[in-house]
Amino acid sequence: MNKNLITFFLLTLFLTTSCVSKQDQYTNVEIAYEDGYNFFVANDLGRNGYYQQKAVAKVMGELAEDIDIEFIADAGDTHHWNGVQSVHDPLWMTNFETIYDHPELMVEWYAILGNHEYHGNTQALIDYSNISRRWVMPARYYTKTIVPDEGDEDEYSTVKVFFIDTTPLIDKYYEEGDEYPDVLNQDSTLQLRWLEEELAKSTEQFKIVIGHHPIYVSEKKRVDEQSLIEKLDPLLRKYNIDLYVAGHSHTFQHLTKPGTNINYVVNGSASLSREPIKGPDTRFCSSDEGFSIISIGKDKLKMTFINYLGNPIYQFEVKK
C-alpha cells in the first residue's frame, strides 16, 4: 500500500454500530461540499411505483433542486421481477421513465445489471441507451472518469468509477441457468481481467467500484457472498480502492474489514426494504428505503444515506 495515501474514516453521525429504525433521523448535516462534485446512487428501483418507490423518487427530485447533481448511478435491479423483454417493454415506463420524472432527475443515469435483469433480456438494457436520452449503459461493465474542469482543480479531486456486472461472477447463478439464461453466455474471467487492467492503469485520486451484489453483508435473508470474496475482493484490496458500493440487500449498511481501508457500502433499496443485522464489522445499518449522495471535494469525499422521508440518516468521509 502507498503509505502516502492514508484513509481516515470519520463516522460523524453515529458512534455505535446499532441498526436504526425508520423513526431515527439526523439533521443539520452538510451532505455536499461547497463547489464539490455530486452524484446520487440508487438501486433496486423497479416496482411500478409501489413499496416507497414513488416516495424515494420524490425526495430525490426535491434534493436535486437544492444540490446540483451531475449524474445518477443506478446499481442494478431497475426492473423487478423478471427484467425486461425489449427496449419497448412497458416496464421502462412504469418502473423508470414516469417514476423519476422530476426535471432535476433528467440527468444521465449510469446503469448496471442486477440479478433480476438476468431473468429477462439483458441486452435490452444496453440497447435502451439508444432510446432514452438519459439512460447510459455502453456495455455490461465500463468506467467513468470525473476530472475537474479547467480552473476548478482546487474544488474537487479526480475520481474513477468502475461499473461492473456482478451476477456472472457468482457461481450460484450458473447452477440456476434455466432461471438466468443470459448468465450462461458471459465470460467472468474476461471481466475480471478487464477490471484488473483498468484498476492498474488508474491514476485518479479516488477509486469507486459499483456492482449490484454486496461482497459483505449482514441481514436476515443474505450472508457474505463467497464467490465475490474469492474473485472480486482481492482485486479491490490489491489496488486500494476507496469505496465498493452495492445494492441487492435492500438495506443500508456501511462495513469495514480488518486489513483494508476499503469502505464496503450497501446502498438502501429505492423500493421495498429488508431487515439488516448488526455484524462485527458493521459501522451502520438501517432498514429504511432510500438512496445516497456522494460528494467529492478536494482530497476528500463523503457519502450520505438519505431515507424515503428525505432525512440524512448516516454519513462517512474519506480523506487522502
C-alpha atoms as a PDB file:
ATOM      1  CA  MET A   1       0.000   0.000   0.000  1.00  0.00           C
ATOM      2  CA  ASN A   2       1.195   3.525  -0.764  1.00  0.00           C
ATOM      3  CA  LYS A   3       1.976   4.884   2.693  1.00  0.00           C
ATOM      4  CA  ASN A   4       1.420   8.447   1.481  1.00  0.00           C
ATOM      5  CA  LEU A   5      -2.263   7.725   0.947  1.00  0.00           C
ATOM      6  CA  ILE A   6      -3.834   7.143   4.348  1.00  0.00           C
ATOM      7  CA  THR A   7      -7.577   6.808   4.564  1.00  0.00           C
ATOM      8  CA  PHE A   8      -9.346   8.151   7.600  1.00  0.00           C
ATOM      9  CA  PHE A   9     -12.884   7.041   8.383  1.00  0.00           C
ATOM     10  CA  LEU A  10     -14.786   9.882  10.008  1.00  0.00           C
ATOM     11  CA  LEU A  11     -18.077   8.484  11.256  1.00  0.00           C
ATOM     12  CA  THR A  12     -19.651  11.779  12.134  1.00  0.00           C
ATOM     13  CA  LEU A  13     -23.222  10.849  12.850  1.00  0.00           C
ATOM     14  CA  PHE A  14     -23.296   7.615  14.854  1.00  0.00           C
ATOM     15  CA  LEU A  15     -20.839   6.356  17.441  1.00  0.00           C
ATOM     16  CA  THR A  16     -22.348   2.906  17.831  1.00  0.00           C
ATOM     17  CA  THR A  17     -22.889   0.024  15.440  1.00  0.00           C
ATOM     18  CA  SER A  18     -26.573  -0.367  16.239  1.00  0.00           C
ATOM     19  CA  CYS A  19     -29.028  -0.594  13.400  1.00  0.00           C
ATOM     20  CA  VAL A  20     -31.591   2.172  13.437  1.00  0.00           C
ATOM     21  CA  SER A  21     -35.329   2.123  12.969  1.00  0.00           C
ATOM     22  CA  LYS A  22     -37.433   4.051  10.482  1.00  0.00           C
ATOM     23  CA  GLN A  23     -38.112   6.691  13.132  1.00  0.00           C
ATOM     24  CA  ASP A  24     -34.458   7.610  13.658  1.00  0.00           C
ATOM     25  CA  GLN A  25     -33.034  10.525  11.711  1.00  0.00           C
ATOM     26  CA  TYR A  26     -30.210  13.044  11.826  1.00  0.00           C
ATOM     27  CA  THR A  27     -30.482  16.719  10.942  1.00  0.00           C
ATOM     28  CA  ASN A  28     -28.143  19.658  10.386  1.00  0.00           C
ATOM     29  CA  VAL A  29     -25.824  17.658   8.160  1.00  0.00           C
ATOM     30  CA  GLU A  30     -23.914  19.164   5.253  1.00  0.00           C
ATOM     31  CA  ILE A  31     -24.415  16.489   2.629  1.00  0.00           C
ATOM     32  CA  ALA A  32     -22.383  18.185  -0.102  1.00  0.00           C
ATOM     33  CA  TYR A  33     -19.152  20.150  -0.203  1.00  0.00           C
ATOM     34  CA  GLU A  34     -19.328  23.720  -1.390  1.00  0.00           C
ATOM     35  CA  ASP A  35     -18.330  23.676  -5.084  1.00  0.00           C
ATOM     36  CA  GLY A  36     -17.970  19.898  -4.888  1.00  0.00           C
ATOM     37  CA  TYR A  37     -18.940  17.321  -7.497  1.00  0.00           C
ATOM     38  CA  ASN A  38     -22.079  15.411  -6.539  1.00  0.00           C
ATOM     39  CA  PHE A  39     -23.968  12.376  -7.752  1.00  0.00           C
ATOM     40  CA  PHE A  40     -26.730  10.107  -6.472  1.00  0.00           C
ATOM     41  CA  VAL A  41     -26.600   6.343  -6.083  1.00  0.00           C
ATOM     42  CA  ALA A  42     -29.901   4.450  -6.376  1.00  0.00           C
ATOM     43  CA  ASN A  43     -30.725   0.795  -6.940  1.00  0.00           C
ATOM     44  CA  ASP A  44     -33.421  -1.863  -6.677  1.00  0.00           C
ATOM     45  CA  LEU A  45     -35.811   0.630  -8.203  1.00  0.00           C
ATOM     46  CA  GLY A  46     -38.456  -1.041 -10.241  1.00  0.00           C
ATOM     47  CA  ARG A  47     -41.695  -1.953  -8.529  1.00  0.00           C
ATOM     48  CA  ASN A  48     -44.093   0.096 -10.650  1.00  0.00           C
ATOM     49  CA  GLY A  49     -44.090   2.884  -8.081  1.00  0.00           C
ATOM     50  CA  TYR A  50     -45.055   0.745  -5.092  1.00  0.00           C
ATOM     51  CA  TYR A  51     -43.212  -0.015  -1.812  1.00  0.00           C
ATOM     52  CA  GLN A  52     -41.994   3.568  -1.314  1.00  0.00           C
ATOM     53  CA  GLN A  53     -40.572   3.849  -4.846  1.00  0.00           C
ATOM     54  CA  LYS A  54     -42.585   6.990  -5.580  1.00  0.00           C
ATOM     55  CA  ALA A  55     -41.710   8.470  -2.195  1.00  0.00           C
ATOM     56  CA  VAL A  56     -37.989   7.915  -2.764  1.00  0.00           C
ATOM     57  CA  ALA A  57     -38.210   9.329  -6.312  1.00  0.00           C
ATOM     58  CA  LYS A  58     -39.949  12.442  -4.955  1.00  0.00           C
ATOM     59  CA  VAL A  59     -37.232  13.010  -2.365  1.00  0.00           C
ATOM     60  CA  MET A  60     -34.528  12.511  -4.997  1.00  0.00           C
ATOM     61  CA  GLY A  61     -36.067  15.222  -7.154  1.00  0.00           C
ATOM     62  CA  GLU A  62     -36.528  17.636  -4.273  1.00  0.00           C
ATOM     63  CA  LEU A  63     -32.953  17.177  -3.046  1.00  0.00           C
ATOM     64  CA  ALA A  64     -31.636  17.699  -6.569  1.00  0.00           C
ATOM     65  CA  GLU A  65     -33.395  21.064  -6.584  1.00  0.00           C
ATOM     66  CA  ASP A  66     -31.163  22.193  -3.723  1.00  0.00           C
ATOM     67  CA  ILE A  67     -27.925  20.406  -4.567  1.00  0.00           C
ATOM     68  CA  ASP A  68     -26.552  20.244  -8.085  1.00  0.00           C
ATOM     69  CA  ILE A  69     -26.003  16.654  -9.155  1.00  0.00           C
ATOM     70  CA  GLU A  70     -24.021  15.663 -12.211  1.00  0.00           C
ATOM     71  CA  PHE A  71     -25.426  12.170 -12.731  1.00  0.00           C
ATOM     72  CA  ILE A  72     -27.156   9.230 -11.058  1.00  0.00           C
ATOM     73  CA  ALA A  73     -25.507   5.829 -10.640  1.00  0.00           C
ATOM     74  CA  ASP A  74     -28.086   3.029 -10.955  1.00  0.00           C
ATOM     75  CA  ALA A  75     -26.657  -0.028  -9.208  1.00  0.00           C
ATOM     76  CA  GLY A  76     -28.965  -2.596 -10.777  1.00  0.00           C
ATOM     77  CA  ASP A  77     -32.369  -4.260 -10.462  1.00  0.00           C
ATOM     78  CA  THR A  78     -34.107  -1.420 -12.222  1.00  0.00           C
ATOM     79  CA  HIS A  79     -36.768  -3.959 -13.184  1.00  0.00           C
ATOM     80  CA  HIS A  80     -38.340  -6.425 -10.766  1.00  0.00           C
ATOM     81  CA  TRP A  81     -39.236  -9.248 -11.094  1.00  0.00           C
ATOM     82  CA  ASN A  82     -38.253 -10.660 -14.454  1.00  0.00           C
ATOM     83  CA  GLY A  83     -36.274  -7.890 -16.130  1.00  0.00           C
ATOM     84  CA  VAL A  84     -37.479  -6.591 -19.479  1.00  0.00           C
ATOM     85  CA  GLN A  85     -38.038  -8.334 -22.774  1.00  0.00           C
ATOM     86  CA  SER A  86     -37.045  -5.498 -25.100  1.00  0.00           C
ATOM     87  CA  VAL A  87     -36.407  -1.764 -25.328  1.00  0.00           C
ATOM     88  CA  HIS A  88     -40.156  -1.372 -25.905  1.00  0.00           C
ATOM     89  CA  ASP A  89     -41.231  -3.269 -22.791  1.00  0.00           C
ATOM     90  CA  PRO A  90     -43.902  -1.230 -20.914  1.00  0.00           C
ATOM     91  CA  LEU A  91     -41.874  -1.674 -17.720  1.00  0.00           C
ATOM     92  CA  TRP A  92     -39.491   1.004 -18.939  1.00  0.00           C
ATOM     93  CA  MET A  93     -42.318   3.486 -18.406  1.00  0.00           C
ATOM     94  CA  THR A  94     -43.809   2.120 -15.151  1.00  0.00           C
ATOM     95  CA  ASN A  95     -40.501   1.306 -13.446  1.00  0.00           C
ATOM     96  CA  PHE A  96     -38.361   4.196 -14.664  1.00  0.00           C
ATOM     97  CA  GLU A  97     -39.483   6.955 -17.006  1.00  0.00           C
ATOM     98  CA  THR A  98     -42.755   8.013 -15.330  1.00  0.00           C
ATOM     99  CA  ILE A  99     -41.484   7.465 -11.775  1.00  0.00           C
ATOM    100  CA  TYR A 100     -38.268   9.505 -11.993  1.00  0.00           C
ATOM    101  CA  ASP A 101     -39.944  12.331 -13.895  1.00  0.00           C
ATOM    102  CA  HIS A 102     -38.760  15.301 -11.837  1.00  0.00           C
ATOM    103  CA  PRO A 103     -36.980  17.877 -14.042  1.00  0.00           C
ATOM    104  CA  GLU A 104     -33.842  17.701 -11.901  1.00  0.00           C
ATOM    105  CA  LEU A 105     -33.607  13.933 -12.466  1.00  0.00           C
ATOM    106  CA  MET A 106     -33.295  14.373 -16.226  1.00  0.00           C
ATOM    107  CA  VAL A 107     -29.556  13.898 -15.936  1.00  0.00           C
ATOM    108  CA  GLU A 108     -27.559  10.916 -17.149  1.00  0.00           C
ATOM    109  CA  TRP A 109     -28.265   7.635 -15.358  1.00  0.00           C
ATOM    110  CA  TYR A 110     -25.216   5.348 -15.485  1.00  0.00           C
ATOM    111  CA  ALA A 111     -26.641   1.862 -15.053  1.00  0.00           C
ATOM    112  CA  ILE A 112     -25.510  -1.697 -14.446  1.00  0.00           C
ATOM    113  CA  LEU A 113     -27.289  -5.035 -14.481  1.00  0.00           C
ATOM    114  CA  GLY A 114     -28.771  -6.662 -11.406  1.00  0.00           C
ATOM    115  CA  ASN A 115     -29.734 -10.278 -10.947  1.00  0.00           C
ATOM    116  CA  HIS A 116     -33.379  -9.570 -11.817  1.00  0.00           C
ATOM    117  CA  GLU A 117     -32.346  -8.234 -15.224  1.00  0.00           C
ATOM    118  CA  TYR A 118     -30.814 -11.649 -15.869  1.00  0.00           C
ATOM    119  CA  HIS A 119     -34.289 -13.183 -15.720  1.00  0.00           C
ATOM    120  CA  GLY A 120     -35.021 -11.298 -18.943  1.00  0.00           C
ATOM    121  CA  ASN A 121     -33.185  -9.778 -21.893  1.00  0.00           C
ATOM    122  CA  THR A 122     -30.019  -8.150 -20.563  1.00  0.00           C
ATOM    123  CA  GLN A 123     -29.017  -6.779 -23.966  1.00  0.00           C
ATOM    124  CA  ALA A 124     -32.182  -4.670 -23.931  1.00  0.00           C
ATOM    125  CA  LEU A 125     -30.748  -2.590 -21.092  1.00  0.00           C
ATOM    126  CA  ILE A 126     -27.664  -1.786 -23.122  1.00  0.00           C
ATOM    127  CA  ASP A 127     -29.742  -1.058 -26.211  1.00  0.00           C
ATOM    128  CA  TYR A 128     -32.048   1.254 -24.262  1.00  0.00           C
ATOM    129  CA  SER A 129     -29.164   3.735 -24.300  1.00  0.00           C
ATOM    130  CA  ASN A 130     -30.198   4.367 -27.923  1.00  0.00           C
ATOM    131  CA  ILE A 131     -33.795   5.081 -26.887  1.00  0.00           C
ATOM    132  CA  SER A 132     -33.558   7.221 -23.769  1.00  0.00           C
ATOM    133  CA  ARG A 133     -31.527  10.428 -23.664  1.00  0.00           C
ATOM    134  CA  ARG A 134     -30.666   9.908 -20.001  1.00  0.00           C
ATOM    135  CA  TRP A 135     -30.081   6.147 -19.811  1.00  0.00           C
ATOM    136  CA  VAL A 136     -26.351   5.415 -20.195  1.00  0.00           C
ATOM    137  CA  MET A 137     -25.134   1.833 -20.359  1.00  0.00           C
ATOM    138  CA  PRO A 138     -22.477   1.447 -23.045  1.00  0.00           C
ATOM    139  CA  ALA A 139     -21.574  -2.115 -22.026  1.00  0.00           C
ATOM    140  CA  ARG A 140     -22.030  -4.673 -19.276  1.00  0.00           C
ATOM    141  CA  TYR A 141     -19.054  -3.151 -17.495  1.00  0.00           C
ATOM    142  CA  TYR A 142     -17.343   0.180 -18.113  1.00  0.00           C
ATOM    143  CA  THR A 143     -15.740   3.188 -16.396  1.00  0.00           C
ATOM    144  CA  LYS A 144     -16.485   6.853 -15.896  1.00  0.00           C
ATOM    145  CA  THR A 145     -13.777   9.391 -15.096  1.00  0.00           C
ATOM    146  CA  ILE A 146     -14.501  12.529 -13.096  1.00  0.00           C
ATOM    147  CA  VAL A 147     -12.000  15.300 -13.789  1.00  0.00           C
ATOM    148  CA  PRO A 148     -12.332  18.940 -12.659  1.00  0.00           C
ATOM    149  CA  ASP A 149     -12.930  21.470 -15.390  1.00  0.00           C
ATOM    150  CA  GLU A 150     -10.144  23.905 -16.148  1.00  0.00           C
ATOM    151  CA  GLY A 151      -9.978  26.343 -13.272  1.00  0.00           C
ATOM    152  CA  ASP A 152     -11.791  24.004 -10.874  1.00  0.00           C
ATOM    153  CA  GLU A 153      -8.777  21.902  -9.880  1.00  0.00           C
ATOM    154  CA  ASP A 154      -8.909  23.285  -6.328  1.00  0.00           C
ATOM    155  CA  GLU A 155     -12.600  22.403  -5.939  1.00  0.00           C
ATOM    156  CA  TYR A 156     -12.594  18.616  -6.206  1.00  0.00           C
ATOM    157  CA  SER A 157     -10.325  15.661  -6.879  1.00  0.00           C
ATOM    158  CA  THR A 158     -10.166  13.248  -9.779  1.00  0.00           C
ATOM    159  CA  VAL A 159     -12.223  10.061  -9.456  1.00  0.00           C
ATOM    160  CA  LYS A 160     -12.563   6.893 -11.496  1.00  0.00           C
ATOM    161  CA  VAL A 161     -15.838   4.996 -11.164  1.00  0.00           C
ATOM    162  CA  PHE A 162     -15.810   1.348 -12.254  1.00  0.00           C
ATOM    163  CA  PHE A 163     -19.255  -0.030 -13.119  1.00  0.00           C
ATOM    164  CA  ILE A 164     -19.193  -3.831 -13.054  1.00  0.00           C
ATOM    165  CA  ASP A 165     -21.558  -6.762 -13.696  1.00  0.00           C
ATOM    166  CA  THR A 166     -21.534  -8.968 -10.594  1.00  0.00           C
ATOM    167  CA  THR A 167     -24.123 -11.612 -11.489  1.00  0.00           C
ATOM    168  CA  PRO A 168     -21.740 -13.554 -13.798  1.00  0.00           C
ATOM    169  CA  LEU A 169     -19.116 -13.525 -11.013  1.00  0.00           C
ATOM    170  CA  ILE A 170     -21.348 -15.556  -8.676  1.00  0.00           C
ATOM    171  CA  ASP A 171     -21.365 -19.328  -9.050  1.00  0.00           C
ATOM    172  CA  LYS A 172     -24.951 -19.975  -7.965  1.00  0.00           C
ATOM    173  CA  TYR A 173     -26.404 -18.178 -10.990  1.00  0.00           C
ATOM    174  CA  TYR A 174     -24.753 -20.688 -13.325  1.00  0.00           C
ATOM    175  CA  GLU A 175     -26.251 -23.501 -11.263  1.00  0.00           C
ATOM    176  CA  GLU A 176     -29.657 -21.880 -11.832  1.00  0.00           C
ATOM    177  CA  GLY A 177     -29.029 -21.195 -15.512  1.00  0.00           C
ATOM    178  CA  ASP A 178     -32.597 -22.051 -16.505  1.00  0.00           C
ATOM    179  CA  GLU A 179     -33.758 -19.037 -14.461  1.00  0.00           C
ATOM    180  CA  TYR A 180     -30.909 -16.754 -15.542  1.00  0.00           C
ATOM    181  CA  PRO A 181     -30.320 -17.756 -19.165  1.00  0.00           C
ATOM    182  CA  ASP A 182     -28.153 -14.795 -20.172  1.00  0.00           C
ATOM    183  CA  VAL A 183     -25.604 -15.518 -17.465  1.00  0.00           C
ATOM    184  CA  LEU A 184     -24.509 -18.681 -19.276  1.00  0.00           C
ATOM    185  CA  ASN A 185     -23.244 -16.550 -22.166  1.00  0.00           C
ATOM    186  CA  GLN A 186     -20.950 -14.387 -20.034  1.00  0.00           C
ATOM    187  CA  ASP A 187     -17.203 -14.735 -19.549  1.00  0.00           C
ATOM    188  CA  SER A 188     -16.433 -13.803 -15.946  1.00  0.00           C
ATOM    189  CA  THR A 189     -12.693 -14.316 -16.470  1.00  0.00           C
ATOM    190  CA  LEU A 190     -12.706 -11.697 -19.222  1.00  0.00           C
ATOM    191  CA  GLN A 191     -14.463  -9.188 -16.962  1.00  0.00           C
ATOM    192  CA  LEU A 192     -12.026  -9.726 -14.091  1.00  0.00           C
ATOM    193  CA  ARG A 193      -9.075  -9.343 -16.439  1.00  0.00           C
ATOM    194  CA  TRP A 194     -10.585  -6.097 -17.750  1.00  0.00           C
ATOM    195  CA  LEU A 195     -11.171  -4.821 -14.204  1.00  0.00           C
ATOM    196  CA  GLU A 196      -7.603  -5.506 -13.127  1.00  0.00           C
ATOM    197  CA  GLU A 197      -6.222  -3.773 -16.213  1.00  0.00           C
ATOM    198  CA  GLU A 198      -8.408  -0.726 -15.588  1.00  0.00           C
ATOM    199  CA  LEU A 199      -7.542  -0.571 -11.903  1.00  0.00           C
ATOM    200  CA  ALA A 200      -3.839  -0.964 -12.618  1.00  0.00           C
ATOM    201  CA  LYS A 201      -3.699   1.955 -15.024  1.00  0.00           C
ATOM    202  CA  SER A 202      -5.915   4.265 -12.979  1.00  0.00           C
ATOM    203  CA  THR A 203      -4.109   7.350 -11.684  1.00  0.00           C
ATOM    204  CA  GLU A 204      -7.148   9.110 -10.252  1.00  0.00           C
ATOM    205  CA  GLN A 205      -7.018  10.119  -6.594  1.00  0.00           C
ATOM    206  CA  PHE A 206     -10.146   8.173  -5.646  1.00  0.00           C
ATOM    207  CA  LYS A 207     -11.412   4.853  -6.994  1.00  0.00           C
ATOM    208  CA  ILE A 208     -15.039   3.752  -6.600  1.00  0.00           C
ATOM    209  CA  VAL A 209     -16.323   0.369  -7.767  1.00  0.00           C
ATOM    210  CA  ILE A 210     -20.086  -0.081  -8.155  1.00  0.00           C
ATOM    211  CA  GLY A 211     -21.610  -3.548  -8.512  1.00  0.00           C
ATOM    212  CA  HIS A 212     -25.052  -4.897  -7.793  1.00  0.00           C
ATOM    213  CA  HIS A 213     -24.162  -7.587  -5.244  1.00  0.00           C
ATOM    214  CA  PRO A 214     -22.505  -6.860  -1.885  1.00  0.00           C
ATOM    215  CA  ILE A 215     -19.325  -8.698  -1.047  1.00  0.00           C
ATOM    216  CA  TYR A 216     -20.003  -8.440   2.666  1.00  0.00           C
ATOM    217  CA  VAL A 217     -23.487  -8.030   4.100  1.00  0.00           C
ATOM    218  CA  SER A 218     -25.314  -8.737   7.336  1.00  0.00           C
ATOM    219  CA  GLU A 219     -29.074  -9.180   7.068  1.00  0.00           C
ATOM    220  CA  LYS A 220     -31.746 -11.764   7.713  1.00  0.00           C
ATOM    221  CA  LYS A 221     -32.060 -13.004   4.128  1.00  0.00           C
ATOM    222  CA  ARG A 222     -28.444 -12.892   2.906  1.00  0.00           C
ATOM    223  CA  VAL A 223     -24.894 -13.535   4.093  1.00  0.00           C
ATOM    224  CA  ASP A 224     -21.452 -12.679   2.719  1.00  0.00           C
ATOM    225  CA  GLU A 225     -21.074 -13.639  -0.954  1.00  0.00           C
ATOM    226  CA  GLN A 226     -18.281 -16.190  -1.042  1.00  0.00           C
ATOM    227  CA  SER A 227     -17.851 -16.033  -4.822  1.00  0.00           C
ATOM    228  CA  LEU A 228     -17.135 -12.299  -4.643  1.00  0.00           C
ATOM    229  CA  ILE A 229     -14.879 -12.719  -1.615  1.00  0.00           C
ATOM    230  CA  GLU A 230     -12.752 -15.097  -3.669  1.00  0.00           C
ATOM    231  CA  LYS A 231     -12.890 -13.447  -7.095  1.00  0.00           C
ATOM    232  CA  LEU A 232     -13.504  -9.724  -6.627  1.00  0.00           C
ATOM    233  CA  ASP A 233     -12.343  -8.623  -3.184  1.00  0.00           C
ATOM    234  CA  PRO A 234      -8.642  -9.476  -3.751  1.00  0.00           C
ATOM    235  CA  LEU A 235      -8.552  -7.070  -6.707  1.00  0.00           C
ATOM    236  CA  LEU A 236     -10.200  -4.281  -4.730  1.00  0.00           C
ATOM    237  CA  ARG A 237      -7.685  -4.713  -1.921  1.00  0.00           C
ATOM    238  CA  LYS A 238      -4.706  -5.029  -4.251  1.00  0.00           C
ATOM    239  CA  TYR A 239      -5.447  -1.687  -5.892  1.00  0.00           C
ATOM    240  CA  ASN A 240      -6.561   0.123  -2.725  1.00  0.00           C
ATOM    241  CA  ILE A 241      -9.966   1.268  -3.870  1.00  0.00           C
ATOM    242  CA  ASP A 242     -11.817   3.648  -1.572  1.00  0.00           C
ATOM    243  CA  LEU A 243     -15.435   2.551  -1.953  1.00  0.00           C
ATOM    244  CA  TYR A 244     -17.209  -0.596  -3.050  1.00  0.00           C
ATOM    245  CA  VAL A 245     -20.891   0.277  -3.451  1.00  0.00           C
ATOM    246  CA  ALA A 246     -23.569  -2.377  -3.966  1.00  0.00           C
ATOM    247  CA  GLY A 247     -27.324  -2.847  -3.735  1.00  0.00           C
ATOM    248  CA  HIS A 248     -29.270  -6.138  -3.746  1.00  0.00           C
ATOM    249  CA  SER A 249     -29.680  -6.421   0.034  1.00  0.00           C
ATOM    250  CA  HIS A 250     -32.460  -3.792   0.276  1.00  0.00           C
ATOM    251  CA  THR A 251     -30.768  -2.346   3.383  1.00  0.00           C
ATOM    252  CA  PHE A 252     -28.412   0.497   4.197  1.00  0.00           C
ATOM    253  CA  GLN A 253     -25.072  -0.746   5.513  1.00  0.00           C
ATOM    254  CA  HIS A 254     -21.543   0.552   5.949  1.00  0.00           C
ATOM    255  CA  LEU A 255     -18.956  -2.093   6.756  1.00  0.00           C
ATOM    256  CA  THR A 256     -15.198  -2.099   7.196  1.00  0.00           C
ATOM    257  CA  LYS A 257     -12.949  -5.159   7.365  1.00  0.00           C
ATOM    258  CA  PRO A 258      -9.610  -5.832   9.068  1.00  0.00           C
ATOM    259  CA  GLY A 259      -6.558  -5.467   6.851  1.00  0.00           C
ATOM    260  CA  THR A 260      -8.013  -2.999   4.361  1.00  0.00           C
ATOM    261  CA  ASN A 261      -9.119   0.651   4.184  1.00  0.00           C
ATOM    262  CA  ILE A 262     -11.962  -0.123   1.777  1.00  0.00           C
ATOM    263  CA  ASN A 263     -15.423   1.152   2.701  1.00  0.00           C
ATOM    264  CA  TYR A 264     -17.951  -1.549   1.815  1.00  0.00           C
ATOM    265  CA  VAL A 265     -21.331   0.092   1.281  1.00  0.00           C
ATOM    266  CA  VAL A 266     -24.732  -1.483   0.761  1.00  0.00           C
ATOM    267  CA  ASN A 267     -26.944   1.234  -0.677  1.00  0.00           C
ATOM    268  CA  GLY A 268     -30.522   1.153   0.565  1.00  0.00           C
ATOM    269  CA  SER A 269     -33.274  -0.024  -1.731  1.00  0.00           C
ATOM    270  CA  ALA A 270     -35.261   2.607  -3.609  1.00  0.00           C
ATOM    271  CA  SER A 271     -38.282   0.328  -3.094  1.00  0.00           C
ATOM    272  CA  LEU A 272     -39.099  -2.353  -0.510  1.00  0.00           C
ATOM    273  CA  SER A 273     -36.614  -2.652   2.345  1.00  0.00           C
ATOM    274  CA  ARG A 274     -35.487  -5.615   4.430  1.00  0.00           C
ATOM    275  CA  GLU A 275     -34.170  -6.006   7.965  1.00  0.00           C
ATOM    276  CA  PRO A 276     -30.401  -5.769   8.497  1.00  0.00           C
ATOM    277  CA  ILE A 277     -28.485  -7.387  11.325  1.00  0.00           C
ATOM    278  CA  LYS A 278     -25.605  -5.750  13.181  1.00  0.00           C
ATOM    279  CA  GLY A 279     -22.447  -7.712  12.435  1.00  0.00           C
ATOM    280  CA  PRO A 280     -18.944  -7.422  13.931  1.00  0.00           C
ATOM    281  CA  ASP A 281     -17.761  -5.176  11.075  1.00  0.00           C
ATOM    282  CA  THR A 282     -20.938  -3.099  10.764  1.00  0.00           C
ATOM    283  CA  ARG A 283     -20.449   0.627  11.233  1.00  0.00           C
ATOM    284  CA  PHE A 284     -24.073   1.425  10.457  1.00  0.00           C
ATOM    285  CA  CYS A 285     -27.205  -0.287   9.178  1.00  0.00           C
ATOM    286  CA  SER A 286     -30.819   0.661   8.616  1.00  0.00           C
ATOM    287  CA  SER A 287     -33.969  -0.867   7.159  1.00  0.00           C
ATOM    288  CA  ASP A 288     -35.114   2.421   5.602  1.00  0.00           C
ATOM    289  CA  GLU A 289     -35.760   2.674   1.890  1.00  0.00           C
ATOM    290  CA  GLY A 290     -33.768   5.430   0.225  1.00  0.00           C
ATOM    291  CA  PHE A 291     -30.710   6.401  -1.810  1.00  0.00           C
ATOM    292  CA  SER A 292     -27.312   8.033  -1.287  1.00  0.00           C
ATOM    293  CA  ILE A 293     -25.382  11.067  -2.394  1.00  0.00           C
ATOM    294  CA  ILE A 294     -21.626  11.018  -2.945  1.00  0.00           C
ATOM    295  CA  SER A 295     -19.948  14.407  -2.773  1.00  0.00           C
ATOM    296  CA  ILE A 296     -16.368  14.843  -3.940  1.00  0.00           C
ATOM    297  CA  GLY A 297     -14.250  17.647  -2.572  1.00  0.00           C
ATOM    298  CA  LYS A 298     -10.557  18.407  -2.703  1.00  0.00           C
ATOM    299  CA  ASP A 299      -8.649  15.441  -1.249  1.00  0.00           C
ATOM    300  CA  LYS A 300     -11.842  14.111   0.334  1.00  0.00           C
ATOM    301  CA  LEU A 301     -15.219  12.607  -0.399  1.00  0.00           C
ATOM    302  CA  LYS A 302     -18.246  11.813   1.680  1.00  0.00           C
ATOM    303  CA  MET A 303     -21.265   9.580   1.286  1.00  0.00           C
ATOM    304  CA  THR A 304     -24.613  10.312   2.915  1.00  0.00           C
ATOM    305  CA  PHE A 305     -27.544   7.916   3.243  1.00  0.00           C
ATOM    306  CA  ILE A 306     -30.930   9.585   2.645  1.00  0.00           C
ATOM    307  CA  ASN A 307     -34.121   7.799   3.655  1.00  0.00           C
ATOM    308  CA  TYR A 308     -37.536   7.863   1.992  1.00  0.00           C
ATOM    309  CA  LEU A 309     -38.613  10.764   4.240  1.00  0.00           C
ATOM    310  CA  GLY A 310     -35.766  12.901   2.944  1.00  0.00           C
ATOM    311  CA  ASN A 311     -33.744  12.669   6.170  1.00  0.00           C
ATOM    312  CA  PRO A 312     -29.971  12.116   6.149  1.00  0.00           C
ATOM    313  CA  ILE A 313     -29.535   9.150   8.473  1.00  0.00           C
ATOM    314  CA  TYR A 314     -25.796   8.494   8.216  1.00  0.00           C
ATOM    315  CA  GLN A 315     -22.636   9.925   6.736  1.00  0.00           C
ATOM    316  CA  PHE A 316     -18.960   8.993   6.498  1.00  0.00           C
ATOM    317  CA  GLU A 317     -15.976  10.776   4.998  1.00  0.00           C
ATOM    318  CA  VAL A 318     -12.816   9.517   3.332  1.00  0.00           C
ATOM    319  CA  LYS A 319      -9.727  11.722   3.229  1.00  0.00           C
ATOM    320  CA  LYS A 320      -6.437  11.355   1.384  1.00  0.00           C
END
